[in-house]
PDB file of N, CA and C in Angstrom:
ATOM      1  N   MET A   1      -0.126   4.712 -26.756  1.00  0.00           N
ATOM      2  CA  MET A   1       1.244   4.291 -26.941  1.00  0.00           C
ATOM      3  C   MET A   1       1.562   3.227 -25.889  1.00  0.00           C
ATOM      4  N   THR A   2       2.409   2.259 -26.228  1.00  0.00           N
ATOM      5  CA  THR A   2       2.804   1.227 -25.280  1.00  0.00           C
ATOM      6  C   THR A   2       4.312   1.252 -25.076  1.00  0.00           C
ATOM      7  N   GLN A   3       4.715   0.916 -23.857  1.00  0.00           N
ATOM      8  CA  GLN A   3       6.128   0.805 -23.497  1.00  0.00           C
ATOM      9  C   GLN A   3       6.279  -0.562 -22.859  1.00  0.00           C
ATOM     10  N   GLY A   4       6.777  -1.560 -23.616  1.00  0.00           N
ATOM     11  CA  GLY A   4       6.828  -2.918 -23.092  1.00  0.00           C
ATOM     12  C   GLY A   4       5.407  -3.434 -22.935  1.00  0.00           C
ATOM     13  N   ASP A   5       5.063  -3.892 -21.729  1.00  0.00           N
ATOM     14  CA  ASP A   5       3.716  -4.393 -21.447  1.00  0.00           C
ATOM     15  C   ASP A   5       2.795  -3.303 -20.920  1.00  0.00           C
ATOM     16  N   THR A   6       3.314  -2.088 -20.734  1.00  0.00           N
ATOM     17  CA  THR A   6       2.565  -1.009 -20.113  1.00  0.00           C
ATOM     18  C   THR A   6       2.027  -0.047 -21.162  1.00  0.00           C
ATOM     19  N   VAL A   7       0.762   0.296 -21.034  1.00  0.00           N
ATOM     20  CA  VAL A   7       0.170   1.314 -21.890  1.00  0.00           C
ATOM     21  C   VAL A   7       0.491   2.671 -21.273  1.00  0.00           C
ATOM     22  N   VAL A   8       1.112   3.546 -22.054  1.00  0.00           N
ATOM     23  CA  VAL A   8       1.455   4.884 -21.578  1.00  0.00           C
ATOM     24  C   VAL A   8       0.381   5.848 -22.069  1.00  0.00           C
ATOM     25  N   ARG A   9      -0.329   6.441 -21.114  1.00  0.00           N
ATOM     26  CA  ARG A   9      -1.405   7.364 -21.440  1.00  0.00           C
ATOM     27  C   ARG A   9      -0.890   8.809 -21.384  1.00  0.00           C
ATOM     28  N   ASP A  10      -1.624   9.721 -21.976  1.00  0.00           N
ATOM     29  CA  ASP A  10      -1.241  11.138 -21.935  1.00  0.00           C
ATOM     30  C   ASP A  10      -1.131  11.627 -20.495  1.00  0.00           C
ATOM     31  N   VAL A  11      -2.050  11.176 -19.634  1.00  0.00           N
ATOM     32  CA  VAL A  11      -2.038  11.604 -18.241  1.00  0.00           C
ATOM     33  C   VAL A  11      -0.772  11.097 -17.531  1.00  0.00           C
ATOM     34  N   ASP A  12      -0.241   9.934 -17.941  1.00  0.00           N
ATOM     35  CA  ASP A  12       0.989   9.417 -17.357  1.00  0.00           C
ATOM     36  C   ASP A  12       2.179  10.305 -17.717  1.00  0.00           C
ATOM     37  N   VAL A  13       2.240  10.723 -18.954  1.00  0.00           N
ATOM     38  CA  VAL A  13       3.331  11.602 -19.401  1.00  0.00           C
ATOM     39  C   VAL A  13       3.283  12.925 -18.642  1.00  0.00           C
ATOM     40  N   LEU A  14       2.092  13.481 -18.502  1.00  0.00           N
ATOM     41  CA  LEU A  14       1.929  14.746 -17.785  1.00  0.00           C
ATOM     42  C   LEU A  14       2.280  14.590 -16.307  1.00  0.00           C
ATOM     43  N   SER A  15       1.816  13.516 -15.684  1.00  0.00           N
ATOM     44  CA  SER A  15       2.122  13.272 -14.267  1.00  0.00           C
ATOM     45  C   SER A  15       3.613  13.107 -14.056  1.00  0.00           C
ATOM     46  N   ALA A  16       4.280  12.384 -14.937  1.00  0.00           N
ATOM     47  CA  ALA A  16       5.723  12.169 -14.817  1.00  0.00           C
ATOM     48  C   ALA A  16       6.486  13.486 -14.972  1.00  0.00           C
ATOM     49  N   ALA A  17       5.986  14.370 -15.839  1.00  0.00           N
ATOM     50  CA  ALA A  17       6.652  15.651 -16.049  1.00  0.00           C
ATOM     51  C   ALA A  17       6.449  16.598 -14.861  1.00  0.00           C
ATOM     52  N   LEU A  18       5.241  16.614 -14.302  1.00  0.00           N
ATOM     53  CA  LEU A  18       4.937  17.546 -13.218  1.00  0.00           C
ATOM     54  C   LEU A  18       5.398  17.052 -11.850  1.00  0.00           C
ATOM     55  N   TYR A  19       5.290  15.765 -11.603  1.00  0.00           N
ATOM     56  CA  TYR A  19       5.606  15.185 -10.288  1.00  0.00           C
ATOM     57  C   TYR A  19       6.455  13.925 -10.468  1.00  0.00           C
ATOM     58  N   PRO A  20       7.712  14.069 -10.891  1.00  0.00           N
ATOM     59  CA  PRO A  20       8.508  12.890 -11.236  1.00  0.00           C
ATOM     60  C   PRO A  20       8.692  11.891 -10.089  1.00  0.00           C
ATOM     61  N   GLU A  21       8.950  12.342  -8.873  1.00  0.00           N
ATOM     62  CA  GLU A  21       9.160  11.417  -7.753  1.00  0.00           C
ATOM     63  C   GLU A  21       7.867  10.699  -7.358  1.00  0.00           C
ATOM     64  N   VAL A  22       6.772  11.454  -7.303  1.00  0.00           N
ATOM     65  CA  VAL A  22       5.480  10.859  -6.962  1.00  0.00           C
ATOM     66  C   VAL A  22       5.086   9.838  -8.023  1.00  0.00           C
ATOM     67  N   PHE A  23       5.282  10.182  -9.283  1.00  0.00           N
ATOM     68  CA  PHE A  23       4.928   9.277 -10.371  1.00  0.00           C
ATOM     69  C   PHE A  23       5.793   8.019 -10.323  1.00  0.00           C
ATOM     70  N   LYS A  24       7.078   8.183 -10.044  1.00  0.00           N
ATOM     71  CA  LYS A  24       7.975   7.027  -9.942  1.00  0.00           C
ATOM     72  C   LYS A  24       7.521   6.097  -8.812  1.00  0.00           C
ATOM     73  N   ASP A  25       7.201   6.671  -7.645  1.00  0.00           N
ATOM     74  CA  ASP A  25       6.713   5.870  -6.517  1.00  0.00           C
ATOM     75  C   ASP A  25       5.420   5.147  -6.873  1.00  0.00           C
ATOM     76  N   TYR A  26       4.528   5.842  -7.558  1.00  0.00           N
ATOM     77  CA  TYR A  26       3.257   5.247  -7.979  1.00  0.00           C
ATOM     78  C   TYR A  26       3.496   4.065  -8.916  1.00  0.00           C
ATOM     79  N   MET A  27       4.379   4.237  -9.884  1.00  0.00           N
ATOM     80  CA  MET A  27       4.638   3.168 -10.842  1.00  0.00           C
ATOM     81  C   MET A  27       5.296   1.962 -10.169  1.00  0.00           C
ATOM     82  N   LEU A  28       6.188   2.201  -9.209  1.00  0.00           N
ATOM     83  CA  LEU A  28       6.805   1.101  -8.464  1.00  0.00           C
ATOM     84  C   LEU A  28       5.757   0.362  -7.635  1.00  0.00           C
ATOM     85  N   PHE A  29       4.872   1.123  -6.981  1.00  0.00           N
ATOM     86  CA  PHE A  29       3.786   0.526  -6.204  1.00  0.00           C
ATOM     87  C   PHE A  29       2.892  -0.309  -7.113  1.00  0.00           C
ATOM     88  N   LYS A  30       2.534   0.246  -8.258  1.00  0.00           N
ATOM     89  CA  LYS A  30       1.651  -0.428  -9.210  1.00  0.00           C
ATOM     90  C   LYS A  30       2.311  -1.701  -9.746  1.00  0.00           C
ATOM     91  N   GLU A  31       3.616  -1.647  -9.973  1.00  0.00           N
ATOM     92  CA  GLU A  31       4.340  -2.820 -10.458  1.00  0.00           C
ATOM     93  C   GLU A  31       4.350  -3.932  -9.405  1.00  0.00           C
ATOM     94  N   GLU A  32       4.509  -3.548  -8.133  1.00  0.00           N
ATOM     95  CA  GLU A  32       4.572  -4.534  -7.061  1.00  0.00           C
ATOM     96  C   GLU A  32       3.202  -5.102  -6.706  1.00  0.00           C
ATOM     97  N   TYR A  33       2.166  -4.248  -6.645  1.00  0.00           N
ATOM     98  CA  TYR A  33       0.858  -4.667  -6.142  1.00  0.00           C
ATOM     99  C   TYR A  33      -0.223  -4.782  -7.204  1.00  0.00           C
ATOM    100  N   GLY A  34       0.061  -4.362  -8.412  1.00  0.00           N
ATOM    101  CA  GLY A  34      -0.944  -4.419  -9.463  1.00  0.00           C
ATOM    102  C   GLY A  34      -1.705  -3.105  -9.557  1.00  0.00           C
ATOM    103  N   PRO A  35      -2.722  -3.061 -10.397  1.00  0.00           N
ATOM    104  CA  PRO A  35      -3.465  -1.809 -10.594  1.00  0.00           C
ATOM    105  C   PRO A  35      -4.193  -1.367  -9.326  1.00  0.00           C
ATOM    106  N   VAL A  36      -4.241  -0.072  -9.126  1.00  0.00           N
ATOM    107  CA  VAL A  36      -4.909   0.479  -7.944  1.00  0.00           C
ATOM    108  C   VAL A  36      -6.071   1.393  -8.324  1.00  0.00           C
ATOM    109  N   TRP A  37      -6.512   1.335  -9.552  1.00  0.00           N
ATOM    110  CA  TRP A  37      -7.566   2.242 -10.003  1.00  0.00           C
ATOM    111  C   TRP A  37      -8.879   2.011  -9.268  1.00  0.00           C
ATOM    112  N   GLY A  38      -9.121   0.841  -8.709  1.00  0.00           N
ATOM    113  CA  GLY A  38     -10.380   0.564  -8.021  1.00  0.00           C
ATOM    114  C   GLY A  38     -10.385   0.968  -6.567  1.00  0.00           C
ATOM    115  N   LEU A  39      -9.271   1.484  -6.062  1.00  0.00           N
ATOM    116  CA  LEU A  39      -9.151   1.839  -4.658  1.00  0.00           C
ATOM    117  C   LEU A  39      -9.398   3.335  -4.468  1.00  0.00           C
ATOM    118  N   PRO A  40     -10.317   3.718  -3.571  1.00  0.00           N
ATOM    119  CA  PRO A  40     -10.553   5.144  -3.326  1.00  0.00           C
ATOM    120  C   PRO A  40      -9.268   5.853  -2.862  1.00  0.00           C
ATOM    121  N   THR A  41      -9.088   7.080  -3.258  1.00  0.00           N
ATOM    122  CA  THR A  41      -7.851   7.831  -3.011  1.00  0.00           C
ATOM    123  C   THR A  41      -7.475   7.878  -1.535  1.00  0.00           C
ATOM    124  N   ARG A  42      -8.408   8.214  -0.656  1.00  0.00           N
ATOM    125  CA  ARG A  42      -8.079   8.316   0.772  1.00  0.00           C
ATOM    126  C   ARG A  42      -7.596   6.985   1.317  1.00  0.00           C
ATOM    127  N   LEU A  43      -8.214   5.891   0.894  1.00  0.00           N
ATOM    128  CA  LEU A  43      -7.800   4.573   1.362  1.00  0.00           C
ATOM    129  C   LEU A  43      -6.400   4.231   0.868  1.00  0.00           C
ATOM    130  N   TYR A  44      -6.065   4.666  -0.322  1.00  0.00           N
ATOM    131  CA  TYR A  44      -4.725   4.433  -0.872  1.00  0.00           C
ATOM    132  C   TYR A  44      -3.670   5.139  -0.013  1.00  0.00           C
ATOM    133  N   PHE A  45      -3.947   6.374   0.380  1.00  0.00           N
ATOM    134  CA  PHE A  45      -2.945   7.165   1.100  1.00  0.00           C
ATOM    135  C   PHE A  45      -2.890   6.880   2.598  1.00  0.00           C
ATOM    136  N   VAL A  46      -4.026   6.707   3.271  1.00  0.00           N
ATOM    137  CA  VAL A  46      -4.004   6.573   4.737  1.00  0.00           C
ATOM    138  C   VAL A  46      -4.587   5.260   5.240  1.00  0.00           C
ATOM    139  N   GLY A  47      -5.269   4.506   4.389  1.00  0.00           N
ATOM    140  CA  GLY A  47      -5.863   3.252   4.828  1.00  0.00           C
ATOM    141  C   GLY A  47      -7.185   3.479   5.532  1.00  0.00           C
ATOM    142  N   PRO A  48      -7.943   2.403   5.728  1.00  0.00           N
ATOM    143  CA  PRO A  48      -9.266   2.532   6.346  1.00  0.00           C
ATOM    144  C   PRO A  48      -9.193   2.575   7.874  1.00  0.00           C
ATOM    145  N   ASP A  49     -10.235   3.115   8.485  1.00  0.00           N
ATOM    146  CA  ASP A  49     -10.380   3.112   9.939  1.00  0.00           C
ATOM    147  C   ASP A  49     -11.017   1.783  10.362  1.00  0.00           C
ATOM    148  N   ILE A  50     -10.816   1.422  11.632  1.00  0.00           N
ATOM    149  CA  ILE A  50     -11.451   0.224  12.174  1.00  0.00           C
ATOM    150  C   ILE A  50     -12.966   0.409  12.110  1.00  0.00           C
ATOM    151  N   GLY A  51     -13.675  -0.580  11.611  1.00  0.00           N
ATOM    152  CA  GLY A  51     -15.126  -0.515  11.493  1.00  0.00           C
ATOM    153  C   GLY A  51     -15.628   0.150  10.223  1.00  0.00           C
ATOM    154  N   GLU A  52     -14.738   0.732   9.461  1.00  0.00           N
ATOM    155  CA  GLU A  52     -15.138   1.425   8.236  1.00  0.00           C
ATOM    156  C   GLU A  52     -15.452   0.415   7.131  1.00  0.00           C
ATOM    157  N   GLU A  53     -16.574   0.628   6.490  1.00  0.00           N
ATOM    158  CA  GLU A  53     -16.950  -0.191   5.350  1.00  0.00           C
ATOM    159  C   GLU A  53     -16.641   0.574   4.079  1.00  0.00           C
ATOM    160  N   PHE A  54     -16.115  -0.135   3.090  1.00  0.00           N
ATOM    161  CA  PHE A  54     -15.791   0.502   1.814  1.00  0.00           C
ATOM    162  C   PHE A  54     -15.865  -0.533   0.710  1.00  0.00           C
ATOM    163  N   GLN A  55     -15.858  -0.055  -0.505  1.00  0.00           N
ATOM    164  CA  GLN A  55     -15.937  -0.938  -1.660  1.00  0.00           C
ATOM    165  C   GLN A  55     -14.698  -0.731  -2.528  1.00  0.00           C
ATOM    166  N   VAL A  56     -14.239  -1.840  -3.098  1.00  0.00           N
ATOM    167  CA  VAL A  56     -13.117  -1.807  -4.021  1.00  0.00           C
ATOM    168  C   VAL A  56     -13.557  -2.515  -5.287  1.00  0.00           C
ATOM    169  N   GLU A  57     -13.444  -1.810  -6.399  1.00  0.00           N
ATOM    170  CA  GLU A  57     -13.789  -2.426  -7.675  1.00  0.00           C
ATOM    171  C   GLU A  57     -12.587  -3.244  -8.126  1.00  0.00           C
ATOM    172  N   ILE A  58     -12.743  -4.582  -8.200  1.00  0.00           N
ATOM    173  CA  ILE A  58     -11.617  -5.448  -8.537  1.00  0.00           C
ATOM    174  C   ILE A  58     -11.501  -5.675 -10.045  1.00  0.00           C
ATOM    175  N   GLU A  59     -12.576  -5.485 -10.748  1.00  0.00           N
ATOM    176  CA  GLU A  59     -12.578  -5.418 -12.204  1.00  0.00           C
ATOM    177  C   GLU A  59     -13.922  -4.829 -12.602  1.00  0.00           C
ATOM    178  N   GLN A  60     -14.034  -4.440 -13.838  1.00  0.00           N
ATOM    179  CA  GLN A  60     -15.254  -3.772 -14.254  1.00  0.00           C
ATOM    180  C   GLN A  60     -16.462  -4.660 -13.988  1.00  0.00           C
ATOM    181  N   GLY A  61     -17.400  -4.134 -13.185  1.00  0.00           N
ATOM    182  CA  GLY A  61     -18.616  -4.856 -12.854  1.00  0.00           C
ATOM    183  C   GLY A  61     -18.520  -5.764 -11.636  1.00  0.00           C
ATOM    184  N   LYS A  62     -17.322  -5.892 -11.043  1.00  0.00           N
ATOM    185  CA  LYS A  62     -17.142  -6.722  -9.852  1.00  0.00           C
ATOM    186  C   LYS A  62     -16.602  -5.863  -8.718  1.00  0.00           C
ATOM    187  N   THR A  63     -17.396  -5.773  -7.658  1.00  0.00           N
ATOM    188  CA  THR A  63     -17.042  -4.937  -6.522  1.00  0.00           C
ATOM    189  C   THR A  63     -16.907  -5.795  -5.276  1.00  0.00           C
ATOM    190  N   LEU A  64     -15.860  -5.537  -4.492  1.00  0.00           N
ATOM    191  CA  LEU A  64     -15.605  -6.245  -3.249  1.00  0.00           C
ATOM    192  C   LEU A  64     -16.006  -5.331  -2.097  1.00  0.00           C
ATOM    193  N   ASN A  65     -16.956  -5.788  -1.272  1.00  0.00           N
ATOM    194  CA  ASN A  65     -17.377  -5.028  -0.093  1.00  0.00           C
ATOM    195  C   ASN A  65     -16.471  -5.426   1.062  1.00  0.00           C
ATOM    196  N   MET A  66     -15.829  -4.449   1.688  1.00  0.00           N
ATOM    197  CA  MET A  66     -14.869  -4.731   2.747  1.00  0.00           C
ATOM    198  C   MET A  66     -15.172  -3.931   4.000  1.00  0.00           C
ATOM    199  N   LYS A  67     -14.777  -4.511   5.143  1.00  0.00           N
ATOM    200  CA  LYS A  67     -14.902  -3.836   6.425  1.00  0.00           C
ATOM    201  C   LYS A  67     -13.733  -4.300   7.291  1.00  0.00           C
ATOM    202  N   VAL A  68     -12.944  -3.353   7.795  1.00  0.00           N
ATOM    203  CA  VAL A  68     -11.827  -3.681   8.677  1.00  0.00           C
ATOM    204  C   VAL A  68     -12.380  -3.863  10.085  1.00  0.00           C
ATOM    205  N   LEU A  69     -12.106  -5.022  10.684  1.00  0.00           N
ATOM    206  CA  LEU A  69     -12.629  -5.335  12.016  1.00  0.00           C
ATOM    207  C   LEU A  69     -11.603  -5.078  13.115  1.00  0.00           C
ATOM    208  N   ALA A  70     -10.356  -5.431  12.877  1.00  0.00           N
ATOM    209  CA  ALA A  70      -9.318  -5.273  13.901  1.00  0.00           C
ATOM    210  C   ALA A  70      -7.947  -5.378  13.242  1.00  0.00           C
ATOM    211  N   VAL A  71      -6.954  -4.823  13.928  1.00  0.00           N
ATOM    212  CA  VAL A  71      -5.572  -4.892  13.471  1.00  0.00           C
ATOM    213  C   VAL A  71      -4.757  -5.537  14.583  1.00  0.00           C
ATOM    214  N   GLY A  72      -4.014  -6.582  14.225  1.00  0.00           N
ATOM    215  CA  GLY A  72      -3.227  -7.323  15.204  1.00  0.00           C
ATOM    216  C   GLY A  72      -1.965  -6.592  15.622  1.00  0.00           C
ATOM    217  N   ASN A  73      -1.269  -7.176  16.581  1.00  0.00           N
ATOM    218  CA  ASN A  73      -0.009  -6.614  17.069  1.00  0.00           C
ATOM    219  C   ASN A  73       1.066  -6.691  15.998  1.00  0.00           C
ATOM    220  N   LEU A  74       2.050  -5.850  16.137  1.00  0.00           N
ATOM    221  CA  LEU A  74       3.173  -5.823  15.215  1.00  0.00           C
ATOM    222  C   LEU A  74       4.027  -7.068  15.409  1.00  0.00           C
ATOM    223  N   LEU A  75       4.363  -7.733  14.308  1.00  0.00           N
ATOM    224  CA  LEU A  75       5.247  -8.891  14.352  1.00  0.00           C
ATOM    225  C   LEU A  75       6.692  -8.433  14.145  1.00  0.00           C
ATOM    226  N   SER A  76       7.640  -9.275  14.462  1.00  0.00           N
ATOM    227  CA  SER A  76       9.056  -8.895  14.391  1.00  0.00           C
ATOM    228  C   SER A  76       9.517  -8.574  12.971  1.00  0.00           C
ATOM    229  N   ASN A  77       8.800  -9.045  11.959  1.00  0.00           N
ATOM    230  CA  ASN A  77       9.183  -8.771  10.575  1.00  0.00           C
ATOM    231  C   ASN A  77       8.523  -7.508  10.017  1.00  0.00           C
ATOM    232  N   GLY A  78       7.832  -6.745  10.875  1.00  0.00           N
ATOM    233  CA  GLY A  78       7.200  -5.506  10.427  1.00  0.00           C
ATOM    234  C   GLY A  78       5.808  -5.696   9.843  1.00  0.00           C
ATOM    235  N   MET A  79       5.242  -6.887   9.967  1.00  0.00           N
ATOM    236  CA  MET A  79       3.913  -7.170   9.429  1.00  0.00           C
ATOM    237  C   MET A  79       2.875  -7.132  10.546  1.00  0.00           C
ATOM    238  N   ARG A  80       1.635  -6.877  10.162  1.00  0.00           N
ATOM    239  CA  ARG A  80       0.500  -6.917  11.081  1.00  0.00           C
ATOM    240  C   ARG A  80      -0.583  -7.787  10.453  1.00  0.00           C
ATOM    241  N   GLU A  81      -1.298  -8.517  11.302  1.00  0.00           N
ATOM    242  CA  GLU A  81      -2.432  -9.294  10.830  1.00  0.00           C
ATOM    243  C   GLU A  81      -3.666  -8.391  10.903  1.00  0.00           C
ATOM    244  N   VAL A  82      -4.368  -8.271   9.786  1.00  0.00           N
ATOM    245  CA  VAL A  82      -5.563  -7.437   9.713  1.00  0.00           C
ATOM    246  C   VAL A  82      -6.763  -8.357   9.547  1.00  0.00           C
ATOM    247  N   PHE A  83      -7.741  -8.187  10.423  1.00  0.00           N
ATOM    248  CA  PHE A  83      -8.965  -8.989  10.386  1.00  0.00           C
ATOM    249  C   PHE A  83     -10.044  -8.158   9.700  1.00  0.00           C
ATOM    250  N   CYS A  84     -10.667  -8.724   8.683  1.00  0.00           N
ATOM    251  CA  CYS A  84     -11.670  -7.956   7.950  1.00  0.00           C
ATOM    252  C   CYS A  84     -12.752  -8.874   7.397  1.00  0.00           C
ATOM    253  N   GLU A  85     -13.819  -8.256   6.965  1.00  0.00           N
ATOM    254  CA  GLU A  85     -14.885  -8.944   6.245  1.00  0.00           C
ATOM    255  C   GLU A  85     -14.748  -8.588   4.777  1.00  0.00           C
ATOM    256  N   MET A  86     -14.788  -9.609   3.936  1.00  0.00           N
ATOM    257  CA  MET A  86     -14.796  -9.391   2.490  1.00  0.00           C
ATOM    258  C   MET A  86     -16.045 -10.061   1.954  1.00  0.00           C
ATOM    259  N   ASN A  87     -16.962  -9.259   1.469  1.00  0.00           N
ATOM    260  CA  ASN A  87     -18.268  -9.747   1.008  1.00  0.00           C
ATOM    261  C   ASN A  87     -18.941 -10.603   2.066  1.00  0.00           C
ATOM    262  N   GLY A  88     -18.849 -10.150   3.327  1.00  0.00           N
ATOM    263  CA  GLY A  88     -19.517 -10.813   4.436  1.00  0.00           C
ATOM    264  C   GLY A  88     -18.768 -11.994   5.031  1.00  0.00           C
ATOM    265  N   GLN A  89     -17.641 -12.381   4.457  1.00  0.00           N
ATOM    266  CA  GLN A  89     -16.856 -13.509   4.950  1.00  0.00           C
ATOM    267  C   GLN A  89     -15.651 -12.999   5.745  1.00  0.00           C
ATOM    268  N   MET A  90     -15.419 -13.589   6.920  1.00  0.00           N
ATOM    269  CA  MET A  90     -14.278 -13.222   7.752  1.00  0.00           C
ATOM    270  C   MET A  90     -12.976 -13.660   7.081  1.00  0.00           C
ATOM    271  N   ARG A  91     -12.014 -12.744   6.989  1.00  0.00           N
ATOM    272  CA  ARG A  91     -10.712 -13.031   6.381  1.00  0.00           C
ATOM    273  C   ARG A  91      -9.618 -12.381   7.218  1.00  0.00           C
ATOM    274  N   THR A  92      -8.427 -12.958   7.160  1.00  0.00           N
ATOM    275  CA  THR A  92      -7.260 -12.310   7.751  1.00  0.00           C
ATOM    276  C   THR A  92      -6.238 -12.089   6.642  1.00  0.00           C
ATOM    277  N   VAL A  93      -5.596 -10.944   6.695  1.00  0.00           N
ATOM    278  CA  VAL A  93      -4.619 -10.562   5.687  1.00  0.00           C
ATOM    279  C   VAL A  93      -3.383 -10.046   6.403  1.00  0.00           C
ATOM    280  N   MET A  94      -2.202 -10.448   5.943  1.00  0.00           N
ATOM    281  CA  MET A  94      -0.958  -9.928   6.494  1.00  0.00           C
ATOM    282  C   MET A  94      -0.590  -8.666   5.713  1.00  0.00           C
ATOM    283  N   VAL A  95      -0.352  -7.575   6.451  1.00  0.00           N
ATOM    284  CA  VAL A  95      -0.067  -6.286   5.832  1.00  0.00           C
ATOM    285  C   VAL A  95       1.218  -5.729   6.421  1.00  0.00           C
ATOM    286  N   GLU A  96       2.079  -5.208   5.554  1.00  0.00           N
ATOM    287  CA  GLU A  96       3.314  -4.585   6.017  1.00  0.00           C
ATOM    288  C   GLU A  96       2.999  -3.222   6.629  1.00  0.00           C
ATOM    289  N   ASP A  97       3.520  -2.967   7.832  1.00  0.00           N
ATOM    290  CA  ASP A  97       3.363  -1.667   8.477  1.00  0.00           C
ATOM    291  C   ASP A  97       4.517  -0.791   7.993  1.00  0.00           C
ATOM    292  N   LYS A  98       4.243   0.061   7.007  1.00  0.00           N
ATOM    293  CA  LYS A  98       5.284   0.859   6.360  1.00  0.00           C
ATOM    294  C   LYS A  98       6.002   1.785   7.333  1.00  0.00           C
ATOM    295  N   LYS A  99       5.305   2.332   8.313  1.00  0.00           N
ATOM    296  CA  LYS A  99       5.946   3.225   9.284  1.00  0.00           C
ATOM    297  C   LYS A  99       7.009   2.483  10.069  1.00  0.00           C
ATOM    298  N   VAL A 100       6.691   1.279  10.481  1.00  0.00           N
ATOM    299  CA  VAL A 100       7.619   0.509  11.304  1.00  0.00           C
ATOM    300  C   VAL A 100       8.750  -0.063  10.469  1.00  0.00           C
ATOM    301  N   THR A 101       8.471  -0.506   9.244  1.00  0.00           N
ATOM    302  CA  THR A 101       9.535  -1.094   8.442  1.00  0.00           C
ATOM    303  C   THR A 101      10.588  -0.062   8.089  1.00  0.00           C
ATOM    304  N   LYS A 102      10.217   1.213   7.972  1.00  0.00           N
ATOM    305  CA  LYS A 102      11.229   2.254   7.753  1.00  0.00           C
ATOM    306  C   LYS A 102      12.125   2.381   8.977  1.00  0.00           C
ATOM    307  N   VAL A 103      11.563   2.260  10.159  1.00  0.00           N
ATOM    308  CA  VAL A 103      12.350   2.313  11.386  1.00  0.00           C
ATOM    309  C   VAL A 103      13.256   1.092  11.467  1.00  0.00           C
ATOM    310  N   LEU A 104      12.726  -0.103  11.155  1.00  0.00           N
ATOM    311  CA  LEU A 104      13.529  -1.320  11.191  1.00  0.00           C
ATOM    312  C   LEU A 104      14.663  -1.263  10.182  1.00  0.00           C
ATOM    313  N   LEU A 105      14.389  -0.760   8.992  1.00  0.00           N
ATOM    314  CA  LEU A 105      15.413  -0.629   7.971  1.00  0.00           C
ATOM    315  C   LEU A 105      16.497   0.326   8.429  1.00  0.00           C
ATOM    316  N   SER A 106      16.103   1.446   9.008  1.00  0.00           N
ATOM    317  CA  SER A 106      17.064   2.409   9.513  1.00  0.00           C
ATOM    318  C   SER A 106      17.927   1.776  10.598  1.00  0.00           C
ATOM    319  N   TYR A 107      17.306   0.991  11.466  1.00  0.00           N
ATOM    320  CA  TYR A 107      18.034   0.327  12.553  1.00  0.00           C
ATOM    321  C   TYR A 107      19.026  -0.694  11.984  1.00  0.00           C
ATOM    322  N   SER A 108      18.598  -1.490  10.993  1.00  0.00           N
ATOM    323  CA  SER A 108      19.498  -2.501  10.448  1.00  0.00           C
ATOM    324  C   SER A 108      20.661  -1.855   9.702  1.00  0.00           C
ATOM    325  N   ARG A 109      20.425  -0.768   9.016  1.00  0.00           N
ATOM    326  CA  ARG A 109      21.520  -0.058   8.336  1.00  0.00           C
ATOM    327  C   ARG A 109      22.497   0.515   9.353  1.00  0.00           C
ATOM    328  N   SER A 110      21.953   1.053  10.433  1.00  0.00           N
ATOM    329  CA  SER A 110      22.833   1.660  11.431  1.00  0.00           C
ATOM    330  C   SER A 110      23.673   0.597  12.125  1.00  0.00           C
ATOM    331  N   ARG A 111      23.159  -0.597  12.274  1.00  0.00           N
ATOM    332  CA  ARG A 111      23.910  -1.671  12.946  1.00  0.00           C
ATOM    333  C   ARG A 111      25.117  -2.086  12.133  1.00  0.00           C
ATOM    334  N   THR A 112      25.022  -2.038  10.804  1.00  0.00           N
ATOM    335  CA  THR A 112      26.174  -2.412   9.987  1.00  0.00           C
ATOM    336  C   THR A 112      27.293  -1.394  10.130  1.00  0.00           C
ATOM    337  N   ASN A 113      26.949  -0.172  10.511  1.00  0.00           N
ATOM    338  CA  ASN A 113      27.949   0.870  10.718  1.00  0.00           C
ATOM    339  C   ASN A 113      28.330   1.014  12.195  1.00  0.00           C
ATOM    340  N   TYR A 114      27.836   0.099  13.018  1.00  0.00           N
ATOM    341  CA  TYR A 114      28.112   0.106  14.449  1.00  0.00           C
ATOM    342  C   TYR A 114      27.673   1.397  15.135  1.00  0.00           C
ATOM    343  N   CYS A 115      26.548   1.908  14.723  1.00  0.00           N
ATOM    344  CA  CYS A 115      26.000   3.079  15.383  1.00  0.00           C
ATOM    345  C   CYS A 115      24.491   2.974  15.308  1.00  0.00           C
ATOM    346  N   ILE A 116      23.815   3.350  16.365  1.00  0.00           N
ATOM    347  CA  ILE A 116      22.353   3.208  16.390  1.00  0.00           C
ATOM    348  C   ILE A 116      21.705   4.563  16.180  1.00  0.00           C
ATOM    349  N   SER A 117      20.859   4.635  15.181  1.00  0.00           N
ATOM    350  CA  SER A 117      20.142   5.861  14.886  1.00  0.00           C
ATOM    351  C   SER A 117      18.807   5.475  14.286  1.00  0.00           C
ATOM    352  N   ILE A 118      17.729   5.621  15.055  1.00  0.00           N
ATOM    353  CA  ILE A 118      16.407   5.257  14.562  1.00  0.00           C
ATOM    354  C   ILE A 118      15.633   6.537  14.289  1.00  0.00           C
ATOM    355  N   HIS A 119      15.095   6.609  13.075  1.00  0.00           N
ATOM    356  CA  HIS A 119      14.342   7.790  12.646  1.00  0.00           C
ATOM    357  C   HIS A 119      12.874   7.442  12.569  1.00  0.00           C
ATOM    358  N   PHE A 120      12.029   8.216  13.198  1.00  0.00           N
ATOM    359  CA  PHE A 120      10.592   7.998  13.126  1.00  0.00           C
ATOM    360  C   PHE A 120      10.040   8.796  11.973  1.00  0.00           C
ATOM    361  N   VAL A 121       9.205   8.155  11.174  1.00  0.00           N
ATOM    362  CA  VAL A 121       8.637   8.786   9.997  1.00  0.00           C
ATOM    363  C   VAL A 121       7.241   9.243  10.299  1.00  0.00           C
TER     364      VAL A 121
END
C-alpha cells in the first residue's frame, strides 16, 4: 500500500500501533535524513566510537567503509566537525550534537521568558 510517496508496509502499521511515539520519531528522522536501513542499529542509536570501523550500505550492492578518526570541539551553533575516513579517503563532516542542541534550545526558550533553566538530557 502507498501513502503519497511513501510505501506503507505491514511492519510500519504494526510499529505505529505498538510504539506510536517511537514510530513518529523514526518517520520524522527518515523524512529529514533519508532512509536508514543501511545503518547498523547500535550506530543509529549511539553513534560510533573513535577509531571504530564500520560499513554502511548506501544502496544495494554498494557499501561505504567508514572509520571515525576524531571529533572536533563544539561550535556555538551546536555542531561538531567529525573527521573520518570514507573508503580510505579523509573527509570532514559537520554533525549536530543532539545533547547540546537540546540544552541550547532550552536556554533560548527560557530567555524569552526572562528566566534561565537549562536541562541536561
